[in-house]
Structures are given as structure tokens and as C-alpha cells.
Amino acid sequence: MKLISVLLVKVILPLLLLIIVFKYNVIYGLGVVFILILIGIFYSRSEIYAFIGNKKYISGKYSDSITWMRKAYNTKGCIIKYKNAFGYLLIKTGNIQEAEKVLTELESSKLTNDEQMIVKVNLALLVWKKGNIYRAVTMLEDVYKDFKNTKVYINLGLLLTLQGNLEKALEFNLEAYDYNDSSAFIQDNLGRNYYLLGMYDKAQEIYEKTMAISPSFPEAYYNYSLVLAKKGMTDKALEFALKSLNYEFMNISIITKEDAEANIKELQNALISK
């Protein structure tokens, strides 16, 4: 019944009005079309702002992306999806204080169960970046009990590995790989996990698959270079280490640009001393 009412008010009545006006006078009809377009744009502002923000994000213009996503967030009627995306963007770019404000307000909103789970994933990332990885892992494990998607597998797999329980992390990262073996982030988690356990052949096998899809984040290239170095392939290790500098080091990166540069210098020195 509610759906019928919405269709009547938003679709059928405007369409009937448009037909009547066009029959009366074409010029007036075109005027009504123009007004309806303006009304549509006004009520779709948050979607338009979020669309522009996403385009800016994809092109690597993170400051511009934040500006447009903030506009979407501050627009009346902005949906949960865009608000949560804004919170994640703020974490990723290091705007922790604003991210906490956005996500805390969002958590107290009226949310569906799935929306609650998705917001909790970002809250867990926020807790991690504030320095409490153990609480962050617990939060993600609570989400994982009732809700599983690629983002949950990526973030919990990453934090379990960072936490240092490598056998537990490997069990989880293998499950994540079974869930979505095409995700470069899941592949990187598994490859790094293998590397930390000294399983270099398995790590190389995973990273070869990752490199085939040209991941857009620096960790994959950095971690692959570490694997290749352990296998005595210093030239190739340096090649991929250099590639890591082609990508943005974000606040949720587990390495810094300084780490990548130090790795490159070490590999260059190793080649010189051969």
C-alpha cells in the first residue's frame, strides 16, 4: 500500500499533470518539464554530490572527494550508504576526529541490521587507527559471526595478521580466499600471511595472481618484493618495490612511503654488493 502511494505521488500524478499541460500548450508543457527537472535535481542532491565525490575518489583526488562527500553527508535525506562511505573516506585519509563524529552519529541512527554491521566495520577500523587493535579485532569478530562480506574478510584478515597470531590468521585468510579469490586485498592478506610464516613459494604463487590484476595499492607491490627478495630474486624484487611508489600511501596502509623507500634502498645495496 505504501509503495502504491509513493508511485501515485511521485510518478503517476506528475505524469498526468504533464500530459494535461502539454495538451493545453506545448510551451507550458516544456516549462513544466524544466520545473520537474529542477525539482528532481534538488531532491537528488545527495546522490549527485556522492556521485561526484566517488569520481574524485577513483581519480585519486581525495581532498576534492572529501569536499563532495561532505556535501552529500550534510544534505537532508542523505542515505546511510553515503554517510558510511564518507566516514570510511575520512579514516582512510587520516581525518580521525571527524570520522569518529560521523560514524558515532551514524551508529545511533535508525539502521537496518545489515547497515549496522557495515557501520561497525568502519568503527572497528577507527578503533584500530586510534591504537587499540585488540578491541578492533573483537569488534570485527562480532560482526563476522552474523554478517559476512568481502570487506569484513579483508579487514579482519588484515588485523588478525597484524595482531601476530599467524596460524589463526592463516586459517581465516584461507577462508576469505575461498569466499572471494578475485579480491586483490584478500590475496595480499593471504600472501603476506604466507610470507610471515616463511612459506615463500605459496606467497609467490598468490602474488603472481595478484600482479596479474594490477592492484591499485602499494602494499601488494611492497609485500611481493619482500617475497622475491627472500627467494633470491633481487632484481625482480627491486622492480616491484619501485612500483609501490606509484600508489598512494593512505592512513589505513600498513606501510608508509618511508618503509617503501627503505626497502628500495636495501635492495639497491644488495645488488651493488653482489
Protein backbone atom coordinates (compact mmCIF):
# COMPACT_ATOMS: atom_id res chain seq x y z
CA MET A 1 0.00 0.00 0.00
CA LYS A 2 2.85 2.37 0.86
CA LEU A 3 4.54 1.57 -2.46
CA ILE A 4 1.34 2.36 -4.36
CA SER A 5 1.03 5.69 -2.54
CA VAL A 6 4.64 6.60 -3.39
CA LEU A 7 4.14 5.71 -7.05
CA LEU A 8 0.92 7.73 -7.15
CA VAL A 9 2.51 10.85 -5.67
CA LYS A 10 5.93 10.71 -7.31
CA VAL A 11 5.19 9.18 -10.72
CA ILE A 12 1.58 8.91 -11.79
CA LEU A 13 0.26 12.33 -10.73
CA PRO A 14 3.22 14.29 -12.18
CA LEU A 15 2.90 12.30 -15.41
CA LEU A 16 -0.82 13.03 -15.67
CA LEU A 17 -0.17 16.70 -14.96
CA LEU A 18 2.45 16.79 -17.68
CA ILE A 19 0.14 15.18 -20.24
CA ILE A 20 -2.68 17.63 -19.43
CA VAL A 21 -0.39 20.68 -19.67
CA PHE A 22 1.13 19.50 -22.97
CA LYS A 23 -2.33 19.05 -24.45
CA TYR A 24 -3.22 22.57 -23.37
CA ASN A 25 0.02 24.27 -24.53
CA VAL A 26 3.36 22.80 -25.65
CA ILE A 27 5.36 25.78 -24.33
CA TYR A 28 3.73 25.45 -20.92
CA GLY A 29 4.42 21.73 -21.08
CA LEU A 30 8.11 22.31 -21.68
CA GLY A 31 8.11 24.76 -18.79
CA VAL A 32 6.62 22.10 -16.51
CA VAL A 33 9.28 19.60 -17.69
CA PHE A 34 12.00 22.11 -16.81
CA ILE A 35 10.49 22.70 -13.37
CA LEU A 36 10.20 18.95 -12.73
CA ILE A 37 13.86 18.51 -13.71
CA LEU A 38 14.88 21.22 -11.25
CA ILE A 39 12.78 19.60 -8.52
CA GLY A 40 14.38 16.23 -9.32
CA ILE A 41 17.86 17.71 -9.09
CA PHE A 42 17.03 19.40 -5.79
CA TYR A 43 15.77 16.20 -4.19
CA SER A 44 18.65 14.17 -5.65
CA ARG A 45 21.40 16.47 -4.40
CA SER A 46 22.97 13.95 -2.06
CA GLU A 47 23.13 11.32 -4.84
CA ILE A 48 24.68 13.85 -7.21
CA TYR A 49 27.23 15.03 -4.63
CA ALA A 50 28.11 11.43 -3.74
CA PHE A 51 28.49 10.52 -7.41
CA ILE A 52 30.92 13.39 -7.96
CA GLY A 53 32.74 12.50 -4.73
CA ASN A 54 33.14 8.91 -5.89
CA LYS A 55 34.51 10.03 -9.25
CA LYS A 56 37.03 12.26 -7.49
CA TYR A 57 37.99 9.34 -5.22
CA ILE A 58 38.55 6.99 -8.15
CA SER A 59 40.79 9.57 -9.84
CA GLY A 60 42.85 9.93 -6.65
CA LYS A 61 41.68 13.46 -5.82
CA TYR A 62 40.97 12.66 -2.18
CA SER A 63 40.67 16.23 -0.92
CA ASP A 64 38.05 17.01 -3.57
CA SER A 65 36.32 13.72 -2.83
CA ILE A 66 36.02 14.67 0.85
CA THR A 67 34.55 18.05 -0.10
CA TRP A 68 31.82 16.49 -2.25
CA MET A 69 31.10 13.62 0.15
CA ARG A 70 30.78 16.13 2.99
CA LYS A 71 28.21 18.00 0.88
CA ALA A 72 26.30 14.74 0.44
CA TYR A 73 26.54 13.97 4.16
CA ASN A 74 25.19 17.39 5.12
CA THR A 75 22.26 17.21 2.69
CA LYS A 76 18.89 16.38 4.23
CA GLY A 77 17.83 12.88 3.28
CA CYS A 78 21.34 11.58 2.62
CA ILE A 79 21.17 7.78 2.77
CA ILE A 80 23.18 5.62 5.19
CA LYS A 81 25.34 4.22 2.38
CA TYR A 82 26.79 7.64 1.53
CA LYS A 83 27.24 8.65 5.17
CA ASN A 84 29.14 5.46 5.91
CA ALA A 85 31.26 5.89 2.78
CA PHE A 86 32.13 9.39 3.96
CA GLY A 87 33.18 8.02 7.36
CA TYR A 88 35.43 5.44 5.70
CA LEU A 89 36.97 8.08 3.43
CA LEU A 90 37.78 10.21 6.48
CA ILE A 91 39.52 7.28 8.18
CA LYS A 92 41.43 6.44 5.02
CA THR A 93 42.70 10.00 4.67
CA GLY A 94 43.61 10.39 8.35
CA ASN A 95 40.74 12.65 9.42
CA ILE A 96 40.14 10.56 12.53
CA GLN A 97 38.34 13.13 14.67
CA GLU A 98 35.74 13.95 12.02
CA ALA A 99 35.40 10.27 11.14
CA GLU A 100 34.60 9.46 14.76
CA LYS A 101 31.92 12.16 14.84
CA VAL A 102 30.33 10.93 11.60
CA LEU A 103 30.37 7.24 12.50
CA THR A 104 29.24 7.74 16.11
CA GLU A 105 26.25 9.77 14.92
CA LEU A 106 25.56 7.17 12.27
CA GLU A 107 25.71 4.33 14.80
CA SER A 108 22.98 5.99 16.86
CA SER A 109 20.72 6.39 13.80
CA LYS A 110 17.89 4.08 12.87
CA LEU A 111 19.64 1.35 10.90
CA THR A 112 18.75 -2.00 9.40
CA ASN A 113 20.74 -4.99 10.64
CA ASP A 114 22.94 -5.02 7.53
CA GLU A 115 23.56 -1.27 7.85
CA GLN A 116 24.56 -1.73 11.50
CA MET A 117 27.09 -4.38 10.51
CA ILE A 118 28.62 -2.25 7.75
CA VAL A 119 28.93 0.76 10.07
CA LYS A 120 30.55 -1.43 12.73
CA VAL A 121 33.23 -2.49 10.26
CA ASN A 122 34.27 1.14 9.82
CA LEU A 123 34.04 1.76 13.57
CA ALA A 124 36.44 -1.16 14.07
CA LEU A 125 38.87 0.45 11.62
CA LEU A 126 38.53 3.69 13.56
CA VAL A 127 39.34 1.90 16.83
CA TRP A 128 42.39 0.30 15.19
CA LYS A 129 43.68 3.64 13.94
CA LYS A 130 43.20 5.08 17.43
CA GLY A 131 45.61 2.44 18.69
CA ASN A 132 43.51 -0.46 20.00
CA ILE A 133 43.94 -3.33 17.56
CA TYR A 134 42.70 -5.94 20.04
CA ARG A 135 39.34 -4.22 20.52
CA ALA A 136 39.12 -3.67 16.75
CA VAL A 137 39.62 -7.41 16.13
CA THR A 138 36.95 -8.25 18.71
CA MET A 139 34.51 -5.85 17.05
CA LEU A 140 35.14 -7.38 13.63
CA GLU A 141 34.82 -10.91 15.01
CA ASP A 142 31.42 -9.96 16.45
CA VAL A 143 30.36 -8.68 13.03
CA TYR A 144 31.71 -11.81 11.33
CA LYS A 145 29.51 -14.07 13.47
CA ASP A 146 26.35 -12.72 11.84
CA PHE A 147 27.46 -10.91 8.71
CA LYS A 148 29.99 -11.89 6.06
CA ASN A 149 31.07 -9.92 3.01
CA THR A 150 34.34 -9.15 1.24
CA LYS A 151 35.03 -6.03 3.31
CA VAL A 152 34.68 -7.97 6.58
CA TYR A 153 37.05 -10.65 5.31
CA ILE A 154 39.57 -8.05 4.11
CA ASN A 155 39.71 -6.05 7.33
CA LEU A 156 39.55 -8.90 9.84
CA GLY A 157 42.15 -10.85 7.85
CA LEU A 158 44.44 -7.84 7.85
CA LEU A 159 44.08 -7.14 11.58
CA LEU A 160 44.49 -10.79 12.61
CA THR A 161 47.79 -10.86 10.73
CA LEU A 162 48.92 -7.56 12.27
CA GLN A 163 47.97 -8.89 15.69
CA GLY A 164 50.58 -11.62 15.26
CA ASN A 165 48.55 -14.83 15.64
CA LEU A 166 49.70 -16.05 12.25
CA GLU A 167 48.22 -19.56 12.35
CA LYS A 168 44.78 -18.24 13.29
CA ALA A 169 45.16 -15.51 10.68
CA LEU A 170 46.10 -18.06 8.01
CA GLU A 171 43.02 -20.16 8.73
CA PHE A 172 40.85 -17.07 8.37
CA ASN A 173 42.64 -15.72 5.29
CA LEU A 174 42.27 -19.08 3.54
CA GLU A 175 38.55 -18.95 4.29
CA ALA A 176 38.47 -15.39 2.94
CA TYR A 177 40.25 -16.57 -0.22
CA ASP A 178 37.64 -19.30 -0.67
CA TYR A 179 34.94 -16.66 -0.24
CA ASN A 180 36.39 -14.26 -2.84
CA ASP A 181 39.62 -15.30 -4.53
CA SER A 182 39.44 -12.40 -7.01
CA SER A 183 39.89 -9.65 -4.39
CA ALA A 184 43.41 -8.19 -4.57
CA PHE A 185 43.16 -7.18 -0.90
CA ILE A 186 42.26 -10.71 0.21
CA GLN A 187 45.08 -12.06 -1.96
CA ASP A 188 47.50 -9.61 -0.36
CA ASN A 189 46.41 -10.62 3.14
CA LEU A 190 46.97 -14.28 2.32
CA GLY A 191 50.26 -13.68 0.52
CA ARG A 192 51.62 -11.59 3.37
CA ASN A 193 50.44 -14.21 5.87
CA TYR A 194 52.34 -16.91 3.96
CA TYR A 195 55.42 -14.65 3.84
CA LEU A 196 55.39 -14.05 7.59
CA LEU A 197 55.16 -17.81 8.15
CA GLY A 198 58.17 -18.37 5.89
CA MET A 199 56.06 -20.10 3.21
CA TYR A 200 57.66 -18.18 0.34
CA ASP A 201 56.66 -20.48 -2.53
CA LYS A 202 52.99 -20.23 -1.58
CA ALA A 203 53.31 -16.49 -1.10
CA GLN A 204 54.87 -16.10 -4.55
CA GLU A 205 52.09 -18.14 -6.12
CA ILE A 206 49.43 -15.87 -4.61
CA TYR A 207 51.25 -12.66 -5.52
CA GLU A 208 51.71 -13.73 -9.13
CA LYS A 209 47.93 -13.93 -9.33
CA THR A 210 47.64 -10.53 -7.63
CA MET A 211 50.08 -8.84 -10.00
CA ALA A 212 48.07 -10.13 -12.96
CA ILE A 213 45.20 -7.84 -11.96
CA SER A 214 47.42 -4.77 -11.35
CA PRO A 215 46.37 -3.85 -7.80
CA SER A 216 45.98 -0.14 -7.09
CA PHE A 217 47.51 -0.06 -3.60
CA PRO A 218 51.21 -0.04 -2.62
CA GLU A 219 51.23 -2.85 -0.05
CA ALA A 220 50.80 -5.57 -2.68
CA TYR A 221 53.94 -4.49 -4.58
CA TYR A 222 55.93 -3.92 -1.40
CA ASN A 223 54.99 -7.30 0.07
CA TYR A 224 55.67 -9.11 -3.21
CA SER A 225 59.12 -7.54 -3.33
CA LEU A 226 59.82 -8.93 0.15
CA VAL A 227 58.83 -12.41 -1.02
CA LEU A 228 61.01 -12.19 -4.13
CA ALA A 229 63.96 -10.96 -2.08
CA LYS A 230 63.65 -13.98 0.22
CA LYS A 231 63.72 -16.21 -2.85
CA GLY A 232 66.95 -14.58 -4.03
CA MET A 233 65.32 -12.74 -6.94
CA THR A 234 66.74 -9.33 -6.02
CA ASP A 235 66.41 -7.72 -9.47
CA LYS A 236 62.76 -8.60 -9.73
CA ALA A 237 62.22 -7.65 -6.09
CA LEU A 238 63.55 -4.17 -6.79
CA GLU A 239 61.31 -3.84 -9.84
CA PHE A 240 58.18 -4.39 -7.76
CA ALA A 241 59.49 -2.39 -4.82
CA LEU A 242 59.80 0.62 -7.14
CA LYS A 243 56.25 0.09 -8.36
CA SER A 244 54.96 0.52 -4.81
CA LEU A 245 55.87 4.22 -5.02
CA ASN A 246 53.38 4.70 -7.86
CA TYR A 247 50.45 4.41 -5.46
CA GLU A 248 49.06 6.50 -2.61
CA PHE A 249 50.02 5.58 0.94
CA MET A 250 46.79 6.07 2.89
CA ASN A 251 46.12 6.21 6.62
CA ILE A 252 44.91 2.59 6.56
CA SER A 253 48.06 1.41 4.76
CA ILE A 254 50.13 -0.94 6.90
CA ILE A 255 53.31 0.54 5.46
CA THR A 256 54.49 4.09 4.92
CA LYS A 257 56.25 5.68 1.99
CA GLU A 258 59.37 5.73 4.19
CA ASP A 259 59.09 1.93 4.60
CA ALA A 260 58.87 1.51 0.83
CA GLU A 261 61.86 3.80 0.23
CA ALA A 262 63.92 1.95 2.84
CA ASN A 263 63.07 -1.36 1.16
CA ILE A 264 64.19 0.02 -2.21
CA LYS A 265 67.47 1.27 -0.77
CA GLU A 266 68.14 -2.10 0.86
CA LEU A 267 67.54 -3.93 -2.39
CA GLN A 268 69.73 -1.50 -4.35
CA ASN A 269 72.56 -2.00 -1.84
CA ALA A 270 72.13 -5.76 -2.11
CA LEU A 271 72.53 -5.57 -5.90
CA ILE A 272 75.60 -3.34 -5.62
CA SER A 273 77.29 -5.73 -3.19
CA LYS A 274 76.76 -8.76 -5.46
